[in-house]
Protein backbone atom coordinates (compact mmCIF):
# COMPACT_ATOMS: atom_id res chain seq x y z
CA UNK A 1 132.52 -74.80 119.43
CA UNK A 2 135.96 -74.39 121.06
CA UNK A 3 137.54 -70.97 121.12
CA UNK A 4 139.92 -70.22 118.28
CA UNK A 5 143.62 -70.27 119.12
CA UNK A 6 145.79 -67.28 118.31
CA UNK A 7 148.12 -67.97 115.43
CA UNK A 8 151.69 -68.37 116.62
CA UNK A 9 154.35 -65.85 115.65
CA UNK A 10 157.42 -66.98 113.62
CA UNK A 11 159.57 -66.59 116.74
CA UNK A 12 157.35 -68.83 118.83
CA UNK A 13 157.39 -71.47 116.05
CA UNK A 14 161.22 -71.29 115.89
CA UNK A 15 161.55 -71.60 119.65
CA UNK A 16 159.32 -74.68 119.70
CA UNK A 17 161.43 -76.24 116.93
CA UNK A 18 164.67 -75.47 118.86
CA UNK A 19 163.25 -77.11 122.01
CA UNK A 20 162.04 -80.14 120.05
CA UNK A 21 165.52 -80.49 118.37
CA UNK A 22 167.30 -80.27 121.74
CA UNK A 23 165.04 -83.05 123.17
CA UNK A 24 165.65 -85.17 120.06
CA UNK A 25 169.43 -84.87 120.46
CA UNK A 26 169.22 -85.63 124.14
CA UNK A 27 167.33 -88.89 123.36
CA UNK A 28 169.92 -89.78 120.71
CA UNK A 29 172.85 -89.08 123.09
CA UNK A 30 171.31 -91.09 125.91
CA UNK A 31 170.99 -94.28 123.79
CA UNK A 32 174.51 -95.76 123.22
CA UNK A 33 173.64 -97.43 119.90
CA UNK A 34 172.00 -94.32 118.43
CA UNK A 35 174.86 -92.14 119.77
CA UNK A 36 177.39 -94.29 117.89
CA UNK A 37 175.30 -94.04 114.73
CA UNK A 38 175.12 -90.27 115.11
CA UNK A 39 178.91 -90.00 115.62
CA UNK A 40 179.52 -92.14 112.55
CA UNK A 41 177.20 -89.95 110.47
CA UNK A 42 179.00 -86.78 111.72
CA UNK A 43 182.39 -88.39 110.81
CA UNK A 44 181.10 -89.17 107.29
CA UNK A 45 179.79 -85.65 106.82
CA UNK A 46 183.08 -84.16 107.99
CA UNK A 47 185.10 -86.37 105.58
CA UNK A 48 182.73 -85.47 102.73
CA UNK A 49 183.21 -81.75 103.44
CA UNK A 50 186.92 -82.20 103.57
CA UNK A 51 186.95 -83.99 100.20
CA UNK A 52 184.80 -81.30 98.59
CA UNK A 53 187.04 -78.57 99.96
CA UNK A 54 184.35 -76.94 102.03
CA UNK A 55 186.27 -77.79 105.19
CA UNK A 56 189.99 -76.97 105.04
CA UNK A 57 192.52 -78.05 107.56
CA UNK A 58 194.94 -75.34 108.76
CA UNK A 59 197.79 -77.14 106.95
CA UNK A 60 196.25 -76.30 103.57
CA UNK A 61 195.24 -72.71 104.25
CA UNK A 62 197.03 -69.68 102.97
CA UNK A 63 198.43 -67.23 105.54
CA UNK A 64 195.56 -64.85 104.94
CA UNK A 65 192.91 -67.52 105.34
CA UNK A 66 194.61 -68.77 108.51
CA UNK A 67 194.65 -65.30 110.01
CA UNK A 68 190.90 -64.88 109.28
CA UNK A 69 190.01 -68.21 110.83
CA UNK A 70 192.15 -67.52 113.87
CA UNK A 71 190.38 -64.18 114.38
CA UNK A 72 187.02 -66.02 114.26
CA UNK A 73 188.22 -68.63 116.75
CA UNK A 74 189.38 -65.87 119.13
CA UNK A 75 185.98 -64.13 118.89
CA UNK A 76 184.13 -67.41 119.61
CA UNK A 77 186.39 -68.22 122.54
CA UNK A 78 185.87 -64.79 124.03
CA UNK A 79 182.09 -65.04 123.88
CA UNK A 80 182.27 -68.60 125.38
CA UNK A 81 184.47 -67.39 128.23
CA UNK A 82 182.17 -64.41 128.89
CA UNK A 83 179.11 -66.69 129.05
CA UNK A 84 180.96 -69.10 131.32
CA UNK A 85 182.07 -66.28 133.62
CA UNK A 86 178.58 -64.86 133.71
CA UNK A 87 177.11 -68.20 134.70
CA UNK A 88 179.73 -68.68 137.43
CA UNK A 89 179.13 -65.23 138.82
CA UNK A 90 175.34 -65.70 138.64
CA UNK A 91 175.60 -68.97 140.60
CA UNK A 92 177.71 -67.30 143.30
CA UNK A 93 175.29 -64.37 143.47
CA UNK A 94 172.31 -66.74 143.86
CA UNK A 95 173.89 -68.87 146.55
CA UNK A 96 174.84 -65.92 148.74
């Protein structure tokens, strides 16, 4: 009788799902036909969200909403730049 496997934690299961999802998207993006289908699906979802009012364009936002969204954008950009800077510094550190 084979030894029993340890049950996986929730975090391990989530990590496996993330990896599987990344691989799935890579396969979709490498195939030109499937990539076009994926883009079309994303466009349809975006249009549907715009029609329902879930996704607002800046033109239709109030001043208060626009300020809140801009604040979020700034926060996301700052974290992106920090990650990018860290990667660049890390590469320089590793090469020297």
